[in-house]
Amino acid sequence: MRIKDLFEKWNLTGLQVKTGFVDMKWEPGDADKDAAWELYVELLTRVTTQALSIKEGTEAAALSSIFSLFATTRDILKGHGRACVTFSKVAVVVLNQVIRPFTARWHPVFETGSLEAEQRAEFRSELAALREKLISYSHILAEIADVEDITELESP
């Protein structure tokens, strides 16, 4: 299977990726599988894949959890080293093209403490859209890790 096929299978499309990269066959090794498993667990246990009703949690905590994925992913990449190159190619693209635009948009608002009431609804809406993309990402991670995908195990 090519990386492009993997992205398309889980509806993670529209990413700006060089043709040579997306046309590559992906053959995850043990380090890729281990790294994917570690990040998969992180995604499954955060607001990234769990619905957050308007009455639950805070926007600041949600943003913080999402932002922490950068450090978590870096730690996983450094911990597994060069042996997890397949995982790294997927993880870096998702960080830079899926998660970064969301955090770049909302981080300044939270830094200034200027989140207005009407922005809360907008934030929650964009968080829900990001969540759908990160659910797709968790499916990809489960596939790379070669584990049963329990992303949508629980009923809504």
N, C-alpha and C. Protein backbone atom coordinates (compact mmCIF):
# COMPACT_ATOMS: atom_id res chain seq x y z
N MET A 1 0.84 -1.17 0.00
CA MET A 1 0.00 0.00 0.00
C MET A 1 0.89 1.24 0.00
N ARG A 2 0.46 2.27 -0.70
CA ARG A 2 1.19 3.53 -0.71
C ARG A 2 0.68 4.43 0.43
N ILE A 3 1.51 5.37 0.84
CA ILE A 3 1.11 6.30 1.90
C ILE A 3 -0.13 7.07 1.46
N LYS A 4 -0.21 7.42 0.19
CA LYS A 4 -1.38 8.12 -0.35
C LYS A 4 -2.64 7.29 -0.12
N ASP A 5 -2.56 6.00 -0.37
CA ASP A 5 -3.71 5.11 -0.18
C ASP A 5 -4.13 5.08 1.29
N LEU A 6 -3.16 5.09 2.16
CA LEU A 6 -3.44 5.09 3.60
C LEU A 6 -4.19 6.36 4.00
N PHE A 7 -3.71 7.52 3.53
CA PHE A 7 -4.39 8.79 3.82
C PHE A 7 -5.80 8.80 3.23
N GLU A 8 -5.93 8.33 2.00
CA GLU A 8 -7.25 8.34 1.35
C GLU A 8 -8.22 7.37 2.02
N LYS A 9 -7.71 6.22 2.42
CA LYS A 9 -8.55 5.21 3.09
C LYS A 9 -9.24 5.80 4.30
N TRP A 10 -8.53 6.66 5.03
CA TRP A 10 -9.08 7.24 6.26
C TRP A 10 -9.48 8.70 6.10
N ASN A 11 -9.71 9.12 4.87
CA ASN A 11 -10.23 10.46 4.56
C ASN A 11 -9.37 11.59 5.12
N LEU A 12 -8.10 11.40 5.16
CA LEU A 12 -7.18 12.46 5.57
C LEU A 12 -6.54 12.98 4.29
N THR A 13 -7.33 13.74 3.53
CA THR A 13 -6.91 14.20 2.22
C THR A 13 -6.74 15.71 2.23
N GLY A 14 -6.25 16.23 1.12
CA GLY A 14 -6.06 17.67 0.98
C GLY A 14 -4.75 18.16 1.58
N LEU A 15 -3.88 17.25 1.95
CA LEU A 15 -2.59 17.63 2.52
C LEU A 15 -1.62 17.98 1.40
N GLN A 16 -0.75 18.94 1.66
CA GLN A 16 0.26 19.34 0.68
C GLN A 16 1.51 18.50 0.90
N VAL A 17 1.61 17.44 0.14
CA VAL A 17 2.72 16.51 0.30
C VAL A 17 3.31 16.21 -1.08
N LYS A 18 4.61 16.15 -1.15
CA LYS A 18 5.29 15.87 -2.43
C LYS A 18 4.84 14.51 -2.97
N THR A 19 4.67 14.48 -4.27
CA THR A 19 4.19 13.27 -4.94
C THR A 19 5.07 12.06 -4.64
N GLY A 20 6.36 12.25 -4.65
CA GLY A 20 7.28 11.14 -4.38
C GLY A 20 7.03 10.52 -3.02
N PHE A 21 6.68 11.34 -2.05
CA PHE A 21 6.42 10.84 -0.71
C PHE A 21 5.12 10.05 -0.65
N VAL A 22 4.03 10.62 -1.17
CA VAL A 22 2.75 9.95 -1.04
C VAL A 22 2.65 8.70 -1.91
N ASP A 23 3.50 8.62 -2.93
CA ASP A 23 3.49 7.44 -3.79
C ASP A 23 4.39 6.32 -3.27
N MET A 24 5.12 6.61 -2.19
CA MET A 24 5.99 5.59 -1.61
C MET A 24 5.18 4.47 -0.98
N LYS A 25 5.70 3.26 -1.07
CA LYS A 25 5.08 2.17 -0.33
C LYS A 25 5.43 2.35 1.13
N TRP A 26 4.48 2.11 1.97
CA TRP A 26 4.79 2.21 3.39
C TRP A 26 4.94 0.80 3.94
N GLU A 27 6.05 0.61 4.58
CA GLU A 27 6.37 -0.68 5.16
C GLU A 27 6.87 -0.44 6.58
N PRO A 28 5.95 -0.30 7.52
CA PRO A 28 6.38 0.01 8.88
C PRO A 28 7.16 -1.13 9.52
N GLY A 29 8.27 -0.75 10.12
CA GLY A 29 9.06 -1.71 10.88
C GLY A 29 8.61 -1.70 12.34
N ASP A 30 9.31 -2.44 13.17
CA ASP A 30 8.92 -2.53 14.57
C ASP A 30 8.98 -1.18 15.28
N ALA A 31 9.99 -0.36 14.97
CA ALA A 31 10.08 0.96 15.61
C ALA A 31 8.91 1.85 15.18
N ASP A 32 8.51 1.76 13.90
CA ASP A 32 7.34 2.51 13.42
C ASP A 32 6.09 2.07 14.17
N LYS A 33 5.94 0.76 14.30
CA LYS A 33 4.76 0.21 14.98
C LYS A 33 4.72 0.65 16.44
N ASP A 34 5.86 0.60 17.11
CA ASP A 34 5.92 1.02 18.51
C ASP A 34 5.63 2.50 18.67
N ALA A 35 6.20 3.32 17.78
CA ALA A 35 5.97 4.77 17.84
C ALA A 35 4.50 5.08 17.55
N ALA A 36 3.94 4.42 16.55
CA ALA A 36 2.53 4.64 16.21
C ALA A 36 1.63 4.24 17.38
N TRP A 37 1.95 3.15 18.03
CA TRP A 37 1.17 2.70 19.18
C TRP A 37 1.21 3.76 20.29
N GLU A 38 2.37 4.28 20.57
CA GLU A 38 2.48 5.28 21.64
C GLU A 38 1.62 6.52 21.35
N LEU A 39 1.67 7.00 20.12
CA LEU A 39 0.87 8.18 19.79
C LEU A 39 -0.61 7.83 19.69
N TYR A 40 -0.91 6.65 19.24
CA TYR A 40 -2.30 6.17 19.17
C TYR A 40 -2.93 6.22 20.56
N VAL A 41 -2.22 5.73 21.55
CA VAL A 41 -2.73 5.75 22.93
C VAL A 41 -2.96 7.19 23.39
N GLU A 42 -2.04 8.08 23.06
CA GLU A 42 -2.20 9.50 23.41
C GLU A 42 -3.45 10.08 22.78
N LEU A 43 -3.66 9.82 21.51
CA LEU A 43 -4.84 10.38 20.82
C LEU A 43 -6.14 9.83 21.38
N LEU A 44 -6.17 8.54 21.67
CA LEU A 44 -7.41 7.92 22.16
C LEU A 44 -7.83 8.41 23.53
N THR A 45 -6.90 8.94 24.27
CA THR A 45 -7.20 9.32 25.66
C THR A 45 -7.27 10.83 25.86
N ARG A 46 -7.45 11.55 24.78
CA ARG A 46 -7.50 13.01 24.84
C ARG A 46 -8.75 13.51 24.13
N VAL A 47 -8.97 14.80 24.27
CA VAL A 47 -10.05 15.49 23.59
C VAL A 47 -9.89 15.40 22.07
N THR A 48 -8.72 14.98 21.63
CA THR A 48 -8.45 14.87 20.20
C THR A 48 -9.37 13.89 19.50
N THR A 49 -9.82 12.87 20.21
CA THR A 49 -10.73 11.89 19.60
C THR A 49 -12.01 11.71 20.41
N GLN A 50 -12.11 12.38 21.52
CA GLN A 50 -13.28 12.24 22.38
C GLN A 50 -14.16 13.48 22.26
N ALA A 51 -15.44 13.26 22.09
CA ALA A 51 -16.37 14.38 21.96
C ALA A 51 -16.38 15.19 23.26
N LEU A 52 -16.46 16.49 23.10
CA LEU A 52 -16.49 17.39 24.25
C LEU A 52 -17.74 18.26 24.12
N SER A 53 -18.73 17.96 24.94
CA SER A 53 -19.96 18.74 24.84
C SER A 53 -19.71 20.15 25.36
N ILE A 54 -20.60 21.04 25.03
CA ILE A 54 -20.46 22.45 25.41
C ILE A 54 -20.42 22.62 26.92
N LYS A 55 -20.98 21.68 27.65
CA LYS A 55 -21.02 21.78 29.11
C LYS A 55 -19.81 21.12 29.78
N GLU A 56 -18.95 20.51 28.98
CA GLU A 56 -17.80 19.79 29.53
C GLU A 56 -16.51 20.53 29.27
N GLY A 57 -15.60 20.42 30.20
CA GLY A 57 -14.25 20.92 30.01
C GLY A 57 -14.16 22.41 29.76
N THR A 58 -12.94 22.83 29.47
CA THR A 58 -12.71 24.23 29.12
C THR A 58 -11.97 24.29 27.80
N GLU A 59 -12.14 25.39 27.13
CA GLU A 59 -11.47 25.57 25.85
C GLU A 59 -9.95 25.60 26.05
N ALA A 60 -9.50 26.25 27.12
CA ALA A 60 -8.06 26.35 27.38
C ALA A 60 -7.45 24.97 27.61
N ALA A 61 -8.13 24.12 28.34
CA ALA A 61 -7.61 22.77 28.59
C ALA A 61 -7.58 21.95 27.29
N ALA A 62 -8.60 22.12 26.46
CA ALA A 62 -8.62 21.41 25.18
C ALA A 62 -7.46 21.85 24.30
N LEU A 63 -7.24 23.16 24.20
CA LEU A 63 -6.13 23.67 23.39
C LEU A 63 -4.80 23.18 23.94
N SER A 64 -4.64 23.19 25.23
CA SER A 64 -3.41 22.72 25.85
C SER A 64 -3.14 21.25 25.53
N SER A 65 -4.19 20.44 25.58
CA SER A 65 -4.05 19.02 25.28
C SER A 65 -3.62 18.82 23.83
N ILE A 66 -4.22 19.57 22.94
CA ILE A 66 -3.87 19.45 21.52
C ILE A 66 -2.45 19.95 21.28
N PHE A 67 -2.12 21.08 21.88
CA PHE A 67 -0.78 21.64 21.71
C PHE A 67 0.29 20.70 22.23
N SER A 68 -0.01 19.96 23.29
CA SER A 68 0.98 19.06 23.87
C SER A 68 1.34 17.90 22.93
N LEU A 69 0.54 17.69 21.89
CA LEU A 69 0.87 16.63 20.94
C LEU A 69 2.18 16.90 20.20
N PHE A 70 2.55 18.17 20.08
CA PHE A 70 3.84 18.48 19.45
C PHE A 70 4.98 17.91 20.28
N ALA A 71 5.00 18.20 21.57
CA ALA A 71 6.07 17.69 22.44
C ALA A 71 6.01 16.16 22.54
N THR A 72 4.81 15.63 22.64
CA THR A 72 4.66 14.17 22.74
C THR A 72 5.21 13.49 21.49
N THR A 73 4.84 14.02 20.33
CA THR A 73 5.32 13.42 19.07
C THR A 73 6.82 13.55 18.95
N ARG A 74 7.37 14.72 19.30
CA ARG A 74 8.83 14.89 19.25
C ARG A 74 9.52 13.88 20.15
N ASP A 75 9.00 13.69 21.36
CA ASP A 75 9.60 12.74 22.29
C ASP A 75 9.56 11.32 21.73
N ILE A 76 8.44 10.97 21.12
CA ILE A 76 8.32 9.64 20.52
C ILE A 76 9.32 9.49 19.38
N LEU A 77 9.41 10.50 18.52
CA LEU A 77 10.36 10.44 17.40
C LEU A 77 11.80 10.32 17.89
N LYS A 78 12.16 11.12 18.89
CA LYS A 78 13.52 11.06 19.41
C LYS A 78 13.78 9.74 20.12
N GLY A 79 12.78 9.25 20.81
CA GLY A 79 12.94 8.00 21.55
C GLY A 79 13.15 6.80 20.65
N HIS A 80 12.51 6.80 19.50
CA HIS A 80 12.64 5.66 18.58
C HIS A 80 13.69 5.88 17.50
N GLY A 81 14.15 7.10 17.39
CA GLY A 81 15.24 7.40 16.47
C GLY A 81 14.90 7.20 15.01
N ARG A 82 15.96 7.05 14.23
CA ARG A 82 15.82 6.96 12.78
C ARG A 82 15.10 5.71 12.30
N ALA A 83 14.93 4.75 13.17
CA ALA A 83 14.30 3.50 12.77
C ALA A 83 12.79 3.65 12.53
N CYS A 84 12.21 4.76 12.95
CA CYS A 84 10.76 4.94 12.77
C CYS A 84 10.47 5.97 11.68
N VAL A 85 11.11 5.83 10.56
CA VAL A 85 10.99 6.81 9.47
C VAL A 85 9.60 6.82 8.84
N THR A 86 8.95 5.68 8.71
CA THR A 86 7.60 5.64 8.15
C THR A 86 6.64 6.40 9.06
N PHE A 87 6.69 6.12 10.34
CA PHE A 87 5.87 6.84 11.30
C PHE A 87 6.16 8.33 11.25
N SER A 88 7.43 8.70 11.20
CA SER A 88 7.79 10.12 11.23
C SER A 88 7.24 10.87 10.03
N LYS A 89 7.21 10.24 8.88
CA LYS A 89 6.70 10.91 7.68
C LYS A 89 5.22 11.23 7.82
N VAL A 90 4.49 10.34 8.40
CA VAL A 90 3.06 10.58 8.62
C VAL A 90 2.87 11.58 9.75
N ALA A 91 3.57 11.39 10.85
CA ALA A 91 3.39 12.24 12.03
C ALA A 91 3.73 13.70 11.76
N VAL A 92 4.82 13.95 11.06
CA VAL A 92 5.24 15.33 10.79
C VAL A 92 4.24 16.04 9.89
N VAL A 93 3.73 15.34 8.89
CA VAL A 93 2.73 15.94 8.00
C VAL A 93 1.47 16.30 8.79
N VAL A 94 1.02 15.41 9.63
CA VAL A 94 -0.20 15.68 10.41
C VAL A 94 0.04 16.82 11.40
N LEU A 95 1.17 16.83 12.07
CA LEU A 95 1.47 17.93 12.99
C LEU A 95 1.46 19.27 12.27
N ASN A 96 2.17 19.34 11.15
CA ASN A 96 2.34 20.62 10.47
C ASN A 96 1.13 21.07 9.66
N GLN A 97 0.35 20.14 9.14
CA GLN A 97 -0.73 20.54 8.25
C GLN A 97 -2.13 20.35 8.81
N VAL A 98 -2.26 19.59 9.88
CA VAL A 98 -3.57 19.39 10.49
C VAL A 98 -3.66 20.09 11.85
N ILE A 99 -2.69 19.83 12.71
CA ILE A 99 -2.76 20.36 14.07
C ILE A 99 -2.24 21.80 14.15
N ARG A 100 -1.13 22.09 13.50
CA ARG A 100 -0.52 23.43 13.60
C ARG A 100 -1.47 24.56 13.19
N PRO A 101 -2.22 24.46 12.10
CA PRO A 101 -3.12 25.56 11.75
C PRO A 101 -4.14 25.87 12.86
N PHE A 102 -4.63 24.83 13.52
CA PHE A 102 -5.58 25.02 14.62
C PHE A 102 -4.91 25.72 15.80
N THR A 103 -3.75 25.22 16.21
CA THR A 103 -3.08 25.83 17.37
C THR A 103 -2.58 27.23 17.05
N ALA A 104 -2.11 27.45 15.82
CA ALA A 104 -1.64 28.78 15.43
C ALA A 104 -2.77 29.79 15.45
N ARG A 105 -3.95 29.36 15.08
CA ARG A 105 -5.10 30.26 15.08
C ARG A 105 -5.55 30.60 16.50
N TRP A 106 -5.60 29.62 17.36
CA TRP A 106 -6.20 29.83 18.67
C TRP A 106 -5.21 30.18 19.78
N HIS A 107 -3.96 29.81 19.65
CA HIS A 107 -3.00 30.08 20.72
C HIS A 107 -2.90 31.57 21.07
N PRO A 108 -2.80 32.48 20.08
CA PRO A 108 -2.72 33.91 20.43
C PRO A 108 -3.96 34.42 21.18
N VAL A 109 -5.11 33.89 20.85
CA VAL A 109 -6.34 34.31 21.54
C VAL A 109 -6.27 33.93 23.01
N PHE A 110 -5.80 32.73 23.29
CA PHE A 110 -5.70 32.27 24.67
C PHE A 110 -4.56 32.96 25.41
N GLU A 111 -3.48 33.24 24.73
CA GLU A 111 -2.34 33.93 25.35
C GLU A 111 -2.74 35.31 25.85
N THR A 112 -3.59 36.00 25.10
CA THR A 112 -4.01 37.34 25.51
C THR A 112 -5.20 37.31 26.45
N GLY A 113 -5.77 36.12 26.65
CA GLY A 113 -6.91 35.99 27.54
C GLY A 113 -8.16 36.67 27.00
N SER A 114 -8.24 36.75 25.68
CA SER A 114 -9.33 37.51 25.09
C SER A 114 -10.38 36.64 24.41
N LEU A 115 -10.59 35.44 24.89
CA LEU A 115 -11.61 34.58 24.30
C LEU A 115 -12.98 35.10 24.72
N GLU A 116 -13.68 35.62 23.75
CA GLU A 116 -15.01 36.18 24.00
C GLU A 116 -16.05 35.06 23.93
N ALA A 117 -17.21 35.31 24.49
CA ALA A 117 -18.28 34.31 24.53
C ALA A 117 -18.61 33.77 23.14
N GLU A 118 -18.71 34.67 22.16
CA GLU A 118 -19.06 34.21 20.80
C GLU A 118 -17.93 33.39 20.19
N GLN A 119 -16.70 33.61 20.63
CA GLN A 119 -15.58 32.83 20.11
C GLN A 119 -15.57 31.41 20.67
N ARG A 120 -16.18 31.22 21.83
CA ARG A 120 -16.23 29.88 22.41
C ARG A 120 -16.93 28.91 21.47
N ALA A 121 -18.06 29.32 20.91
CA ALA A 121 -18.80 28.47 19.99
C ALA A 121 -17.97 28.20 18.73
N GLU A 122 -17.28 29.21 18.25
CA GLU A 122 -16.43 29.06 17.07
C GLU A 122 -15.28 28.09 17.37
N PHE A 123 -14.66 28.24 18.54
CA PHE A 123 -13.58 27.35 18.95
C PHE A 123 -14.09 25.91 19.01
N ARG A 124 -15.24 25.70 19.66
CA ARG A 124 -15.79 24.35 19.80
C ARG A 124 -16.12 23.74 18.44
N SER A 125 -16.60 24.56 17.53
CA SER A 125 -16.91 24.08 16.18
C SER A 125 -15.64 23.65 15.46
N GLU A 126 -14.60 24.47 15.53
CA GLU A 126 -13.33 24.13 14.90
C GLU A 126 -12.67 22.94 15.59
N LEU A 127 -12.85 22.84 16.89
CA LEU A 127 -12.33 21.69 17.64
C LEU A 127 -13.01 20.41 17.15
N ALA A 128 -14.31 20.46 16.91
CA ALA A 128 -15.03 19.29 16.42
C ALA A 128 -14.53 18.89 15.03
N ALA A 129 -14.26 19.87 14.18
CA ALA A 129 -13.73 19.58 12.84
C ALA A 129 -12.33 18.97 12.93
N LEU A 130 -11.50 19.51 13.82
CA LEU A 130 -10.17 18.95 14.03
C LEU A 130 -10.28 17.53 14.57
N ARG A 131 -11.20 17.31 15.47
CA ARG A 131 -11.40 16.00 16.07
C ARG A 131 -11.67 14.96 14.98
N GLU A 132 -12.48 15.29 13.99
CA GLU A 132 -12.76 14.35 12.90
C GLU A 132 -11.49 13.97 12.15
N LYS A 133 -10.63 14.95 11.90
CA LYS A 133 -9.37 14.66 11.22
C LYS A 133 -8.46 13.81 12.10
N LEU A 134 -8.46 14.09 13.40
CA LEU A 134 -7.59 13.33 14.29
C LEU A 134 -8.13 11.93 14.55
N ILE A 135 -9.42 11.74 14.41
CA ILE A 135 -9.96 10.38 14.45
C ILE A 135 -9.43 9.60 13.25
N SER A 136 -9.42 10.24 12.08
CA SER A 136 -8.83 9.60 10.90
C SER A 136 -7.37 9.27 11.15
N TYR A 137 -6.65 10.19 11.76
CA TYR A 137 -5.24 9.98 12.08
C TYR A 137 -5.08 8.80 13.03
N SER A 138 -5.96 8.67 14.01
CA SER A 138 -5.85 7.55 14.94
C SER A 138 -6.07 6.22 14.22
N HIS A 139 -6.96 6.20 13.22
CA HIS A 139 -7.14 4.98 12.41
C HIS A 139 -5.84 4.63 11.69
N ILE A 140 -5.19 5.65 11.14
CA ILE A 140 -3.91 5.43 10.44
C ILE A 140 -2.87 4.90 11.42
N LEU A 141 -2.81 5.49 12.59
CA LEU A 141 -1.83 5.03 13.59
C LEU A 141 -2.08 3.58 14.00
N ALA A 142 -3.35 3.21 14.15
CA ALA A 142 -3.67 1.82 14.50
C ALA A 142 -3.21 0.88 13.39
N GLU A 143 -3.39 1.34 12.16
CA GLU A 143 -2.96 0.50 11.03
C GLU A 143 -1.43 0.38 11.00
N ILE A 144 -0.74 1.47 11.21
CA ILE A 144 0.73 1.41 11.25
C ILE A 144 1.18 0.52 12.40
N ALA A 145 0.54 0.67 13.56
CA ALA A 145 0.92 -0.11 14.74
C ALA A 145 0.53 -1.58 14.62
N ASP A 146 -0.33 -1.88 13.65
CA ASP A 146 -0.80 -3.24 13.44
C ASP A 146 -1.53 -3.77 14.67
N VAL A 147 -2.48 -2.93 15.15
CA VAL A 147 -3.30 -3.30 16.30
C VAL A 147 -4.77 -3.15 15.94
N GLU A 148 -5.60 -3.80 16.72
CA GLU A 148 -7.04 -3.62 16.53
C GLU A 148 -7.38 -2.15 16.80
N ASP A 149 -8.13 -1.55 15.91
CA ASP A 149 -8.48 -0.14 16.04
C ASP A 149 -9.70 0.01 16.94
N ILE A 150 -9.51 0.62 18.09
CA ILE A 150 -10.62 0.82 19.03
C ILE A 150 -10.99 2.31 19.13
N THR A 151 -10.64 3.07 18.10
CA THR A 151 -10.92 4.49 18.11
C THR A 151 -12.39 4.77 18.38
N GLU A 152 -13.25 4.03 17.76
CA GLU A 152 -14.68 4.28 17.90
C GLU A 152 -15.37 3.14 18.65
N LEU A 153 -14.72 2.69 19.70
CA LEU A 153 -15.22 1.59 20.52
C LEU A 153 -16.45 2.00 21.32
N GLU A 154 -16.45 3.23 21.80
CA GLU A 154 -17.54 3.67 22.66
C GLU A 154 -18.67 4.30 21.85
N SER A 155 -19.88 4.16 22.36
CA SER A 155 -21.03 4.78 21.71
C SER A 155 -21.06 6.27 22.02
N PRO A 156 -21.53 7.09 21.04
CA PRO A 156 -21.60 8.53 21.30
C PRO A 156 -22.68 8.86 22.32
